[in-house]
Structure formats: C-alpha cells, structure tokens
Amino acid sequence: VQLVESGGGLVQPGGSLRLSCVASGFTISNYVIRWYRQAPGKERELVASISSGGSSTNLADSVKGRFTISRDNAKNTVYLQMNSLKPEDTAVYYCKVHVYNDYWGQGTQVTVSS
C-alpha cells in the first residue's frame, strides 16, 4: 500500500491549490480516503473524507465552502481542491487509507502567505 501526495506549494491568501493523492498496492475504489493536515506545533486534524464510490463526502467546518474532495478511481487518485486559502490553512497535508492498518503518504507542504 502506498500513497503519494503532490500539489502543495506557496500561495497567497485567497489563492487556490489542488492536491493529489495517488494510490497503489490496493484497489482504491473499495476504500474511504481521508485528507489530514498538521500545522507546526499542532495536532494532526481531519480535513476531508470521501466514500469509496465518491458519492459521500465530509469536510471539517473550518474548510467547508472553500475545499472540495473528489476522486477518480480509474486514475487511482483522490483530490483536494482548496480555494480561498487562508494563512491558517498552512500545514503539511496528508492522505490516509485504512487497509487493515492505517497507511499515510509522506505529505505535501502548503504555505499560505503574502
């Protein structure tokens, strides 16, 4: 099982980024995928989740209306579209899947700063 995140970077407040989480080693279409983030000095927090088929999503209150989670099972990829970014969104973003155990990607840094 492997997850690889990409798409992070430095963006100004109000900007957008799209993160990708590419999965391998398991059948992604069978599993819920979750995005987490961890800011310096803070605990890791759940940002978004998406059901195996993509019909059901959940977002943290802090990102509702700004972030969208989606998936393309044919491409083994889950996306996190982040709009109207704020400095408090600065964090390392991780995707996670539970396949008997929890598997995490290496993370991608998102920095929102002017």
PDB file of N, CA and C in Angstrom:
ATOM      1  N   VAL A   1       0.858  -1.190   0.000  1.00  0.00           N
ATOM      2  CA  VAL A   1       0.000   0.000   0.000  1.00  0.00           C
ATOM      3  C   VAL A   1       0.893   1.238   0.000  1.00  0.00           C
ATOM      4  N   GLN A   2       0.640   2.110  -0.931  1.00  0.00           N
ATOM      5  CA  GLN A   2       1.426   3.342  -0.990  1.00  0.00           C
ATOM      6  C   GLN A   2       0.531   4.498  -1.395  1.00  0.00           C
ATOM      7  N   LEU A   3       0.742   5.633  -0.744  1.00  0.00           N
ATOM      8  CA  LEU A   3       0.044   6.875  -1.076  1.00  0.00           C
ATOM      9  C   LEU A   3       1.086   7.950  -1.305  1.00  0.00           C
ATOM     10  N   VAL A   4       0.923   8.700  -2.371  1.00  0.00           N
ATOM     11  CA  VAL A   4       1.870   9.761  -2.693  1.00  0.00           C
ATOM     12  C   VAL A   4       1.100  11.050  -2.955  1.00  0.00           C
ATOM     13  N   GLU A   5       1.344  12.051  -2.102  1.00  0.00           N
ATOM     14  CA  GLU A   5       0.692  13.348  -2.256  1.00  0.00           C
ATOM     15  C   GLU A   5       1.555  14.277  -3.099  1.00  0.00           C
ATOM     16  N   SER A   6       0.897  15.189  -3.774  1.00  0.00           N
ATOM     17  CA  SER A   6       1.591  16.227  -4.533  1.00  0.00           C
ATOM     18  C   SER A   6       0.667  17.423  -4.688  1.00  0.00           C
ATOM     19  N   GLY A   7       1.224  18.525  -5.172  1.00  0.00           N
ATOM     20  CA  GLY A   7       0.421  19.692  -5.461  1.00  0.00           C
ATOM     21  C   GLY A   7       0.553  20.828  -4.472  1.00  0.00           C
ATOM     22  N   GLY A   8       1.287  20.617  -3.408  1.00  0.00           N
ATOM     23  CA  GLY A   8       1.459  21.689  -2.439  1.00  0.00           C
ATOM     24  C   GLY A   8       2.378  22.781  -2.969  1.00  0.00           C
ATOM     25  N   GLY A   9       2.484  23.846  -2.183  1.00  0.00           N
ATOM     26  CA  GLY A   9       3.346  24.941  -2.589  1.00  0.00           C
ATOM     27  C   GLY A   9       3.051  26.188  -1.803  1.00  0.00           C
ATOM     28  N   LEU A  10       3.620  27.288  -2.266  1.00  0.00           N
ATOM     29  CA  LEU A  10       3.406  28.592  -1.651  1.00  0.00           C
ATOM     30  C   LEU A  10       2.360  29.347  -2.451  1.00  0.00           C
ATOM     31  N   VAL A  11       1.362  29.852  -1.771  1.00  0.00           N
ATOM     32  CA  VAL A  11       0.281  30.573  -2.433  1.00  0.00           C
ATOM     33  C   VAL A  11      -0.107  31.771  -1.573  1.00  0.00           C
ATOM     34  N   GLN A  12      -0.567  32.816  -2.221  1.00  0.00           N
ATOM     35  CA  GLN A  12      -1.011  33.996  -1.492  1.00  0.00           C
ATOM     36  C   GLN A  12      -2.402  33.769  -0.904  1.00  0.00           C
ATOM     37  N   PRO A  13      -2.739  34.482   0.154  1.00  0.00           N
ATOM     38  CA  PRO A  13      -4.103  34.395   0.695  1.00  0.00           C
ATOM     39  C   PRO A  13      -5.129  34.675  -0.402  1.00  0.00           C
ATOM     40  N   GLY A  14      -6.183  33.866  -0.397  1.00  0.00           N
ATOM     41  CA  GLY A  14      -7.201  33.965  -1.429  1.00  0.00           C
ATOM     42  C   GLY A  14      -6.939  33.101  -2.635  1.00  0.00           C
ATOM     43  N   GLY A  15      -5.766  32.528  -2.708  1.00  0.00           N
ATOM     44  CA  GLY A  15      -5.405  31.691  -3.849  1.00  0.00           C
ATOM     45  C   GLY A  15      -5.946  30.278  -3.743  1.00  0.00           C
ATOM     46  N   SER A  16      -5.575  29.467  -4.728  1.00  0.00           N
ATOM     47  CA  SER A  16      -6.068  28.094  -4.814  1.00  0.00           C
ATOM     48  C   SER A  16      -4.926  27.123  -5.073  1.00  0.00           C
ATOM     49  N   LEU A  17      -5.133  25.918  -4.615  1.00  0.00           N
ATOM     50  CA  LEU A  17      -4.251  24.803  -4.922  1.00  0.00           C
ATOM     51  C   LEU A  17      -5.092  23.547  -5.062  1.00  0.00           C
ATOM     52  N   ARG A  18      -4.611  22.605  -5.858  1.00  0.00           N
ATOM     53  CA  ARG A  18      -5.243  21.300  -5.912  1.00  0.00           C
ATOM     54  C   ARG A  18      -4.214  20.238  -5.540  1.00  0.00           C
ATOM     55  N   LEU A  19      -4.494  19.543  -4.467  1.00  0.00           N
ATOM     56  CA  LEU A  19      -3.630  18.454  -4.028  1.00  0.00           C
ATOM     57  C   LEU A  19      -4.111  17.144  -4.644  1.00  0.00           C
ATOM     58  N   SER A  20      -3.157  16.272  -4.924  1.00  0.00           N
ATOM     59  CA  SER A  20      -3.464  14.941  -5.439  1.00  0.00           C
ATOM     60  C   SER A  20      -2.883  13.886  -4.512  1.00  0.00           C
ATOM     61  N   CYS A  21      -3.581  12.792  -4.404  1.00  0.00           N
ATOM     62  CA  CYS A  21      -3.122  11.640  -3.632  1.00  0.00           C
ATOM     63  C   CYS A  21      -3.243  10.435  -4.556  1.00  0.00           C
ATOM     64  N   VAL A  22      -2.104   9.925  -5.000  1.00  0.00           N
ATOM     65  CA  VAL A  22      -2.091   8.786  -5.914  1.00  0.00           C
ATOM     66  C   VAL A  22      -1.824   7.518  -5.121  1.00  0.00           C
ATOM     67  N   ALA A  23      -2.694   6.537  -5.305  1.00  0.00           N
ATOM     68  CA  ALA A  23      -2.625   5.298  -4.533  1.00  0.00           C
ATOM     69  C   ALA A  23      -2.113   4.141  -5.372  1.00  0.00           C
ATOM     70  N   SER A  24      -1.439   3.218  -4.720  1.00  0.00           N
ATOM     71  CA  SER A  24      -1.010   1.994  -5.388  1.00  0.00           C
ATOM     72  C   SER A  24      -0.928   0.874  -4.365  1.00  0.00           C
ATOM     73  N   GLY A  25      -0.989  -0.359  -4.866  1.00  0.00           N
ATOM     74  CA  GLY A  25      -0.859  -1.508  -3.988  1.00  0.00           C
ATOM     75  C   GLY A  25      -2.165  -2.008  -3.406  1.00  0.00           C
ATOM     76  N   PHE A  26      -3.269  -1.372  -3.747  1.00  0.00           N
ATOM     77  CA  PHE A  26      -4.577  -1.816  -3.291  1.00  0.00           C
ATOM     78  C   PHE A  26      -5.626  -1.265  -4.242  1.00  0.00           C
ATOM     79  N   THR A  27      -6.832  -1.792  -4.133  1.00  0.00           N
ATOM     80  CA  THR A  27      -7.920  -1.358  -5.009  1.00  0.00           C
ATOM     81  C   THR A  27      -8.594  -0.145  -4.396  1.00  0.00           C
ATOM     82  N   ILE A  28      -8.205   1.025  -4.862  1.00  0.00           N
ATOM     83  CA  ILE A  28      -8.640   2.266  -4.229  1.00  0.00           C
ATOM     84  C   ILE A  28     -10.160   2.403  -4.210  1.00  0.00           C
ATOM     85  N   SER A  29     -10.827   1.831  -5.186  1.00  0.00           N
ATOM     86  CA  SER A  29     -12.282   2.000  -5.295  1.00  0.00           C
ATOM     87  C   SER A  29     -13.041   1.317  -4.162  1.00  0.00           C
ATOM     88  N   ASN A  30     -12.358   0.521  -3.356  1.00  0.00           N
ATOM     89  CA  ASN A  30     -13.009  -0.172  -2.245  1.00  0.00           C
ATOM     90  C   ASN A  30     -12.911   0.579  -0.922  1.00  0.00           C
ATOM     91  N   TYR A  31     -12.198   1.706  -0.897  1.00  0.00           N
ATOM     92  CA  TYR A  31     -11.852   2.320   0.382  1.00  0.00           C
ATOM     93  C   TYR A  31     -12.155   3.805   0.481  1.00  0.00           C
ATOM     94  N   VAL A  32     -12.525   4.185   1.704  1.00  0.00           N
ATOM     95  CA  VAL A  32     -12.611   5.598   2.058  1.00  0.00           C
ATOM     96  C   VAL A  32     -11.197   6.163   2.095  1.00  0.00           C
ATOM     97  N   ILE A  33     -11.042   7.358   1.573  1.00  0.00           N
ATOM     98  CA  ILE A  33      -9.765   8.076   1.644  1.00  0.00           C
ATOM     99  C   ILE A  33      -9.989   9.372   2.419  1.00  0.00           C
ATOM    100  N   ARG A  34      -9.042   9.695   3.266  1.00  0.00           N
ATOM    101  CA  ARG A  34      -9.135  10.899   4.100  1.00  0.00           C
ATOM    102  C   ARG A  34      -7.929  11.804   3.896  1.00  0.00           C
ATOM    103  N   TRP A  35      -8.181  13.078   3.958  1.00  0.00           N
ATOM    104  CA  TRP A  35      -7.112  14.085   3.967  1.00  0.00           C
ATOM    105  C   TRP A  35      -7.011  14.655   5.379  1.00  0.00           C
ATOM    106  N   TYR A  36      -5.786  14.760   5.862  1.00  0.00           N
ATOM    107  CA  TYR A  36      -5.487  15.373   7.141  1.00  0.00           C
ATOM    108  C   TYR A  36      -4.487  16.501   6.905  1.00  0.00           C
ATOM    109  N   ARG A  37      -4.344  17.332   7.913  1.00  0.00           N
ATOM    110  CA  ARG A  37      -3.278  18.328   7.876  1.00  0.00           C
ATOM    111  C   ARG A  37      -2.700  18.510   9.282  1.00  0.00           C
ATOM    112  N   GLN A  38      -1.455  18.936   9.283  1.00  0.00           N
ATOM    113  CA  GLN A  38      -0.785  19.197  10.552  1.00  0.00           C
ATOM    114  C   GLN A  38       0.036  20.469  10.433  1.00  0.00           C
ATOM    115  N   ALA A  39      -0.352  21.455  11.223  1.00  0.00           N
ATOM    116  CA  ALA A  39       0.361  22.717  11.274  1.00  0.00           C
ATOM    117  C   ALA A  39       1.447  22.627  12.343  1.00  0.00           C
ATOM    118  N   PRO A  40       2.472  23.447  12.237  1.00  0.00           N
ATOM    119  CA  PRO A  40       3.551  23.416  13.230  1.00  0.00           C
ATOM    120  C   PRO A  40       3.022  23.599  14.641  1.00  0.00           C
ATOM    121  N   GLY A  41       3.415  22.707  15.525  1.00  0.00           N
ATOM    122  CA  GLY A  41       3.018  22.808  16.912  1.00  0.00           C
ATOM    123  C   GLY A  41       1.597  22.387  17.211  1.00  0.00           C
ATOM    124  N   LYS A  42       0.906  21.869  16.201  1.00  0.00           N
ATOM    125  CA  LYS A  42      -0.488  21.456  16.399  1.00  0.00           C
ATOM    126  C   LYS A  42      -0.660  19.981  16.095  1.00  0.00           C
ATOM    127  N   GLU A  43      -1.759  19.431  16.590  1.00  0.00           N
ATOM    128  CA  GLU A  43      -2.061  18.043  16.308  1.00  0.00           C
ATOM    129  C   GLU A  43      -2.581  17.886  14.876  1.00  0.00           C
ATOM    130  N   ARG A  44      -2.400  16.698  14.351  1.00  0.00           N
ATOM    131  CA  ARG A  44      -2.932  16.408  13.023  1.00  0.00           C
ATOM    132  C   ARG A  44      -4.453  16.412  13.088  1.00  0.00           C
ATOM    133  N   GLU A  45      -5.085  17.040  12.111  1.00  0.00           N
ATOM    134  CA  GLU A  45      -6.545  17.125  12.113  1.00  0.00           C
ATOM    135  C   GLU A  45      -7.127  16.634  10.794  1.00  0.00           C
ATOM    136  N   LEU A  46      -8.316  16.041  10.894  1.00  0.00           N
ATOM    137  CA  LEU A  46      -9.025  15.573   9.723  1.00  0.00           C
ATOM    138  C   LEU A  46      -9.617  16.758   8.970  1.00  0.00           C
ATOM    139  N   VAL A  47      -9.364  16.802   7.683  1.00  0.00           N
ATOM    140  CA  VAL A  47      -9.850  17.902   6.852  1.00  0.00           C
ATOM    141  C   VAL A  47     -11.043  17.466   6.004  1.00  0.00           C
ATOM    142  N   ALA A  48     -10.907  16.289   5.379  1.00  0.00           N
ATOM    143  CA  ALA A  48     -11.956  15.850   4.451  1.00  0.00           C
ATOM    144  C   ALA A  48     -11.888  14.342   4.276  1.00  0.00           C
ATOM    145  N   SER A  49     -13.030  13.767   3.929  1.00  0.00           N
ATOM    146  CA  SER A  49     -13.070  12.348   3.610  1.00  0.00           C
ATOM    147  C   SER A  49     -14.035  12.124   2.461  1.00  0.00           C
ATOM    148  N   ILE A  50     -13.823  11.012   1.766  1.00  0.00           N
ATOM    149  CA  ILE A  50     -14.680  10.682   0.631  1.00  0.00           C
ATOM    150  C   ILE A  50     -14.921   9.181   0.623  1.00  0.00           C
ATOM    151  N   SER A  51     -16.173   8.809   0.369  1.00  0.00           N
ATOM    152  CA  SER A  51     -16.534   7.395   0.348  1.00  0.00           C
ATOM    153  C   SER A  51     -15.887   6.681  -0.834  1.00  0.00           C
ATOM    154  N   SER A  52     -15.955   5.371  -0.812  1.00  0.00           N
ATOM    155  CA  SER A  52     -15.257   4.580  -1.826  1.00  0.00           C
ATOM    156  C   SER A  52     -15.717   4.905  -3.247  1.00  0.00           C
ATOM    157  N   GLY A  53     -17.007   5.122  -3.404  1.00  0.00           N
ATOM    158  CA  GLY A  53     -17.514   5.440  -4.731  1.00  0.00           C
ATOM    159  C   GLY A  53     -17.543   6.924  -5.051  1.00  0.00           C
ATOM    160  N   GLY A  54     -17.291   7.733  -4.037  1.00  0.00           N
ATOM    161  CA  GLY A  54     -17.249   9.170  -4.248  1.00  0.00           C
ATOM    162  C   GLY A  54     -18.570   9.890  -4.038  1.00  0.00           C
ATOM    163  N   SER A  55     -19.611   9.163  -3.674  1.00  0.00           N
ATOM    164  CA  SER A  55     -20.929   9.803  -3.567  1.00  0.00           C
ATOM    165  C   SER A  55     -21.127  10.551  -2.270  1.00  0.00           C
ATOM    166  N   SER A  56     -20.297  10.262  -1.278  1.00  0.00           N
ATOM    167  CA  SER A  56     -20.442  10.892   0.029  1.00  0.00           C
ATOM    168  C   SER A  56     -19.129  11.528   0.448  1.00  0.00           C
ATOM    169  N   THR A  57     -19.211  12.783   0.846  1.00  0.00           N
ATOM    170  CA  THR A  57     -18.022  13.494   1.311  1.00  0.00           C
ATOM    171  C   THR A  57     -18.314  14.200   2.627  1.00  0.00           C
ATOM    172  N   ASN A  58     -17.265  14.417   3.378  1.00  0.00           N
ATOM    173  CA  ASN A  58     -17.362  15.179   4.607  1.00  0.00           C
ATOM    174  C   ASN A  58     -16.194  16.148   4.686  1.00  0.00           C
ATOM    175  N   LEU A  59     -16.483  17.330   5.184  1.00  0.00           N
ATOM    176  CA  LEU A  59     -15.463  18.361   5.309  1.00  0.00           C
ATOM    177  C   LEU A  59     -15.481  18.927   6.718  1.00  0.00           C
ATOM    178  N   ALA A  60     -14.308  19.266   7.216  1.00  0.00           N
ATOM    179  CA  ALA A  60     -14.224  19.945   8.500  1.00  0.00           C
ATOM    180  C   ALA A  60     -14.903  21.306   8.394  1.00  0.00           C
ATOM    181  N   ASP A  61     -15.467  21.756   9.507  1.00  0.00           N
ATOM    182  CA  ASP A  61     -16.162  23.049   9.497  1.00  0.00           C
ATOM    183  C   ASP A  61     -15.237  24.180   9.045  1.00  0.00           C
ATOM    184  N   SER A  62     -13.977  24.070   9.379  1.00  0.00           N
ATOM    185  CA  SER A  62     -13.023  25.136   9.065  1.00  0.00           C
ATOM    186  C   SER A  62     -12.756  25.295   7.567  1.00  0.00           C
ATOM    187  N   VAL A  63     -13.119  24.282   6.767  1.00  0.00           N
ATOM    188  CA  VAL A  63     -12.841  24.355   5.328  1.00  0.00           C
ATOM    189  C   VAL A  63     -14.103  24.262   4.477  1.00  0.00           C
ATOM    190  N   LYS A  64     -15.246  24.085   5.103  1.00  0.00           N
ATOM    191  CA  LYS A  64     -16.496  24.000   4.331  1.00  0.00           C
ATOM    192  C   LYS A  64     -16.724  25.262   3.530  1.00  0.00           C
ATOM    193  N   GLY A  65     -17.140  25.059   2.282  1.00  0.00           N
ATOM    194  CA  GLY A  65     -17.363  26.196   1.402  1.00  0.00           C
ATOM    195  C   GLY A  65     -16.125  26.655   0.674  1.00  0.00           C
ATOM    196  N   ARG A  66     -14.964  26.131   1.074  1.00  0.00           N
ATOM    197  CA  ARG A  66     -13.713  26.515   0.426  1.00  0.00           C
ATOM    198  C   ARG A  66     -12.990  25.321  -0.196  1.00  0.00           C
ATOM    199  N   PHE A  67     -13.063  24.168   0.439  1.00  0.00           N
ATOM    200  CA  PHE A  67     -12.376  22.962  -0.040  1.00  0.00           C
ATOM    201  C   PHE A  67     -13.395  21.983  -0.602  1.00  0.00           C
ATOM    202  N   THR A  68     -12.929  21.205  -1.565  1.00  0.00           N
ATOM    203  CA  THR A  68     -13.736  20.136  -2.141  1.00  0.00           C
ATOM    204  C   THR A  68     -12.864  18.889  -2.285  1.00  0.00           C
ATOM    205  N   ILE A  69     -13.412  17.752  -1.912  1.00  0.00           N
ATOM    206  CA  ILE A  69     -12.708  16.490  -2.096  1.00  0.00           C
ATOM    207  C   ILE A  69     -13.401  15.699  -3.194  1.00  0.00           C
ATOM    208  N   SER A  70     -12.613  15.073  -4.035  1.00  0.00           N
ATOM    209  CA  SER A  70     -13.170  14.263  -5.128  1.00  0.00           C
ATOM    210  C   SER A  70     -12.203  13.118  -5.427  1.00  0.00           C
ATOM    211  N   ARG A  71     -12.655  12.201  -6.247  1.00  0.00           N
ATOM    212  CA  ARG A  71     -11.794  11.077  -6.576  1.00  0.00           C
ATOM    213  C   ARG A  71     -12.040  10.605  -7.998  1.00  0.00           C
ATOM    214  N   ASP A  72     -10.999  10.040  -8.576  1.00  0.00           N
ATOM    215  CA  ASP A  72     -11.080   9.399  -9.882  1.00  0.00           C
ATOM    216  C   ASP A  72     -10.492   8.006  -9.704  1.00  0.00           C
ATOM    217  N   ASN A  73     -11.348   7.044  -9.464  1.00  0.00           N
ATOM    218  CA  ASN A  73     -10.863   5.699  -9.170  1.00  0.00           C
ATOM    219  C   ASN A  73     -10.136   5.081 -10.364  1.00  0.00           C
ATOM    220  N   ALA A  74     -10.495   5.493 -11.553  1.00  0.00           N
ATOM    221  CA  ALA A  74      -9.806   4.977 -12.744  1.00  0.00           C
ATOM    222  C   ALA A  74      -8.346   5.416 -12.776  1.00  0.00           C
ATOM    223  N   LYS A  75      -8.072   6.547 -12.126  1.00  0.00           N
ATOM    224  CA  LYS A  75      -6.697   7.061 -12.060  1.00  0.00           C
ATOM    225  C   LYS A  75      -6.056   6.807 -10.697  1.00  0.00           C
ATOM    226  N   ASN A  76      -6.759   6.065  -9.845  1.00  0.00           N
ATOM    227  CA  ASN A  76      -6.240   5.762  -8.502  1.00  0.00           C
ATOM    228  C   ASN A  76      -5.866   7.032  -7.741  1.00  0.00           C
ATOM    229  N   THR A  77      -6.659   8.066  -7.891  1.00  0.00           N
ATOM    230  CA  THR A  77      -6.306   9.370  -7.359  1.00  0.00           C
ATOM    231  C   THR A  77      -7.476  10.013  -6.630  1.00  0.00           C
ATOM    232  N   VAL A  78      -7.150  10.643  -5.517  1.00  0.00           N
ATOM    233  CA  VAL A  78      -8.094  11.464  -4.764  1.00  0.00           C
ATOM    234  C   VAL A  78      -7.538  12.889  -4.752  1.00  0.00           C
ATOM    235  N   TYR A  79      -8.437  13.843  -4.907  1.00  0.00           N
ATOM    236  CA  TYR A  79      -8.039  15.251  -4.999  1.00  0.00           C
ATOM    237  C   TYR A  79      -8.593  16.050  -3.833  1.00  0.00           C
ATOM    238  N   LEU A  80      -7.874  17.098  -3.496  1.00  0.00           N
ATOM    239  CA  LEU A  80      -8.380  18.085  -2.545  1.00  0.00           C
ATOM    240  C   LEU A  80      -8.212  19.453  -3.207  1.00  0.00           C
ATOM    241  N   GLN A  81      -9.320  20.001  -3.651  1.00  0.00           N
ATOM    242  CA  GLN A  81      -9.311  21.337  -4.248  1.00  0.00           C
ATOM    243  C   GLN A  81      -9.488  22.350  -3.137  1.00  0.00           C
ATOM    244  N   MET A  82      -8.541  23.257  -3.041  1.00  0.00           N
ATOM    245  CA  MET A  82      -8.538  24.233  -1.959  1.00  0.00           C
ATOM    246  C   MET A  82      -8.615  25.629  -2.555  1.00  0.00           C
ATOM    247  N   ASN A  83      -9.697  26.313  -2.261  1.00  0.00           N
ATOM    248  CA  ASN A  83      -9.908  27.678  -2.750  1.00  0.00           C
ATOM    249  C   ASN A  83      -9.962  28.644  -1.579  1.00  0.00           C
ATOM    250  N   SER A  84      -9.842  29.915  -1.884  1.00  0.00           N
ATOM    251  CA  SER A  84      -9.915  30.968  -0.855  1.00  0.00           C
ATOM    252  C   SER A  84      -9.018  30.638   0.326  1.00  0.00           C
ATOM    253  N   LEU A  85      -7.801  30.277   0.017  1.00  0.00           N
ATOM    254  CA  LEU A  85      -6.879  29.838   1.069  1.00  0.00           C
ATOM    255  C   LEU A  85      -6.552  30.967   2.040  1.00  0.00           C
ATOM    256  N   LYS A  86      -6.385  30.564   3.290  1.00  0.00           N
ATOM    257  CA  LYS A  86      -6.077  31.499   4.374  1.00  0.00           C
ATOM    258  C   LYS A  86      -4.729  31.124   5.002  1.00  0.00           C
ATOM    259  N   PRO A  87      -4.084  32.062   5.649  1.00  0.00           N
ATOM    260  CA  PRO A  87      -2.815  31.722   6.322  1.00  0.00           C
ATOM    261  C   PRO A  87      -2.961  30.545   7.296  1.00  0.00           C
ATOM    262  N   GLU A  88      -4.110  30.426   7.928  1.00  0.00           N
ATOM    263  CA  GLU A  88      -4.312  29.326   8.877  1.00  0.00           C
ATOM    264  C   GLU A  88      -4.461  27.971   8.201  1.00  0.00           C
ATOM    265  N   ASP A  89      -4.510  27.944   6.887  1.00  0.00           N
ATOM    266  CA  ASP A  89      -4.502  26.666   6.167  1.00  0.00           C
ATOM    267  C   ASP A  89      -3.085  26.124   5.976  1.00  0.00           C
ATOM    268  N   THR A  90      -2.105  26.918   6.362  1.00  0.00           N
ATOM    269  CA  THR A  90      -0.715  26.487   6.242  1.00  0.00           C
ATOM    270  C   THR A  90      -0.476  25.236   7.085  1.00  0.00           C
ATOM    271  N   ALA A  91       0.012  24.195   6.438  1.00  0.00           N
ATOM    272  CA  ALA A  91       0.217  22.907   7.114  1.00  0.00           C
ATOM    273  C   ALA A  91       0.824  21.920   6.123  1.00  0.00           C
ATOM    274  N   VAL A  92       1.228  20.788   6.653  1.00  0.00           N
ATOM    275  CA  VAL A  92       1.545  19.643   5.798  1.00  0.00           C
ATOM    276  C   VAL A  92       0.269  18.835   5.658  1.00  0.00           C
ATOM    277  N   TYR A  93      -0.075  18.532   4.427  1.00  0.00           N
ATOM    278  CA  TYR A  93      -1.306  17.802   4.137  1.00  0.00           C
ATOM    279  C   TYR A  93      -0.969  16.361   3.781  1.00  0.00           C
ATOM    280  N   TYR A  94      -1.725  15.449   4.395  1.00  0.00           N
ATOM    281  CA  TYR A  94      -1.515  14.023   4.217  1.00  0.00           C
ATOM    282  C   TYR A  94      -2.807  13.343   3.790  1.00  0.00           C
ATOM    283  N   CYS A  95      -2.691  12.319   2.979  1.00  0.00           N
ATOM    284  CA  CYS A  95      -3.834  11.451   2.735  1.00  0.00           C
ATOM    285  C   CYS A  95      -3.603  10.128   3.461  1.00  0.00           C
ATOM    286  N   LYS A  96      -4.708   9.486   3.786  1.00  0.00           N
ATOM    287  CA  LYS A  96      -4.651   8.264   4.567  1.00  0.00           C
ATOM    288  C   LYS A  96      -5.711   7.283   4.115  1.00  0.00           C
ATOM    289  N   VAL A  97      -5.358   6.009   4.175  1.00  0.00           N
ATOM    290  CA  VAL A  97      -6.312   4.938   3.912  1.00  0.00           C
ATOM    291  C   VAL A  97      -6.143   3.880   5.004  1.00  0.00           C
ATOM    292  N   HIS A  98      -7.259   3.261   5.364  1.00  0.00           N
ATOM    293  CA  HIS A  98      -7.208   2.164   6.329  1.00  0.00           C
ATOM    294  C   HIS A  98      -7.448   0.858   5.587  1.00  0.00           C
ATOM    295  N   VAL A  99      -6.378   0.094   5.419  1.00  0.00           N
ATOM    296  CA  VAL A  99      -6.457  -1.223   4.794  1.00  0.00           C
ATOM    297  C   VAL A  99      -5.868  -2.192   5.800  1.00  0.00           C
ATOM    298  N   TYR A 100      -6.674  -2.680   6.718  1.00  0.00           N
ATOM    299  CA  TYR A 100      -6.246  -3.470   7.886  1.00  0.00           C
ATOM    300  C   TYR A 100      -5.442  -2.609   8.867  1.00  0.00           C
ATOM    301  N   ASN A 101      -4.590  -1.785   8.357  1.00  0.00           N
ATOM    302  CA  ASN A 101      -3.839  -0.807   9.143  1.00  0.00           C
ATOM    303  C   ASN A 101      -3.978   0.561   8.480  1.00  0.00           C
ATOM    304  N   ASP A 102      -3.551   1.591   9.213  1.00  0.00           N
ATOM    305  CA  ASP A 102      -3.546   2.929   8.627  1.00  0.00           C
ATOM    306  C   ASP A 102      -2.285   3.112   7.802  1.00  0.00           C
ATOM    307  N   TYR A 103      -2.475   3.627   6.576  1.00  0.00           N
ATOM    308  CA  TYR A 103      -1.352   3.960   5.707  1.00  0.00           C
ATOM    309  C   TYR A 103      -1.422   5.437   5.353  1.00  0.00           C
ATOM    310  N   TRP A 104      -0.283   6.096   5.505  1.00  0.00           N
ATOM    311  CA  TRP A 104      -0.190   7.533   5.255  1.00  0.00           C
ATOM    312  C   TRP A 104       0.782   7.799   4.116  1.00  0.00           C
ATOM    313  N   GLY A 105       0.527   8.884   3.414  1.00  0.00           N
ATOM    314  CA  GLY A 105       1.511   9.369   2.470  1.00  0.00           C
ATOM    315  C   GLY A 105       2.583  10.163   3.195  1.00  0.00           C
ATOM    316  N   GLN A 106       3.536  10.682   2.416  1.00  0.00           N
ATOM    317  CA  GLN A 106       4.656  11.407   3.012  1.00  0.00           C
ATOM    318  C   GLN A 106       4.300  12.853   3.314  1.00  0.00           C
ATOM    319  N   GLY A 107       3.195  13.317   2.758  1.00  0.00           N
ATOM    320  CA  GLY A 107       2.746  14.680   2.989  1.00  0.00           C
ATOM    321  C   GLY A 107       3.239  15.659   1.934  1.00  0.00           C
ATOM    322  N   THR A 108       2.481  16.739   1.795  1.00  0.00           N
ATOM    323  CA  THR A 108       2.862  17.828   0.896  1.00  0.00           C
ATOM    324  C   THR A 108       2.632  19.150   1.624  1.00  0.00           C
ATOM    325  N   GLN A 109       3.622  20.024   1.557  1.00  0.00           N
ATOM    326  CA  GLN A 109       3.564  21.277   2.316  1.00  0.00           C
ATOM    327  C   GLN A 109       2.722  22.309   1.575  1.00  0.00           C
ATOM    328  N   VAL A 110       1.812  22.916   2.301  1.00  0.00           N
ATOM    329  CA  VAL A 110       1.028  24.043   1.799  1.00  0.00           C
ATOM    330  C   VAL A 110       1.335  25.249   2.678  1.00  0.00           C
ATOM    331  N   THR A 111       1.776  26.320   2.051  1.00  0.00           N
ATOM    332  CA  THR A 111       2.082  27.547   2.771  1.00  0.00           C
ATOM    333  C   THR A 111       1.285  28.686   2.154  1.00  0.00           C
ATOM    334  N   VAL A 112       0.478  29.322   2.987  1.00  0.00           N
ATOM    335  CA  VAL A 112      -0.346  30.443   2.536  1.00  0.00           C
ATOM    336  C   VAL A 112       0.206  31.707   3.188  1.00  0.00           C
ATOM    337  N   SER A 113       0.794  32.544   2.363  1.00  0.00           N
ATOM    338  CA  SER A 113       1.461  33.732   2.892  1.00  0.00           C
ATOM    339  C   SER A 113       1.610  34.768   1.799  1.00  0.00           C
ATOM    340  N   SER A 114       1.545  36.025   2.201  1.00  0.00           N
ATOM    341  CA  SER A 114       1.768  37.110   1.252  1.00  0.00           C
ATOM    342  C   SER A 114       3.235  37.519   1.259  1.00  0.00           C
TER     343      SER A 114
END
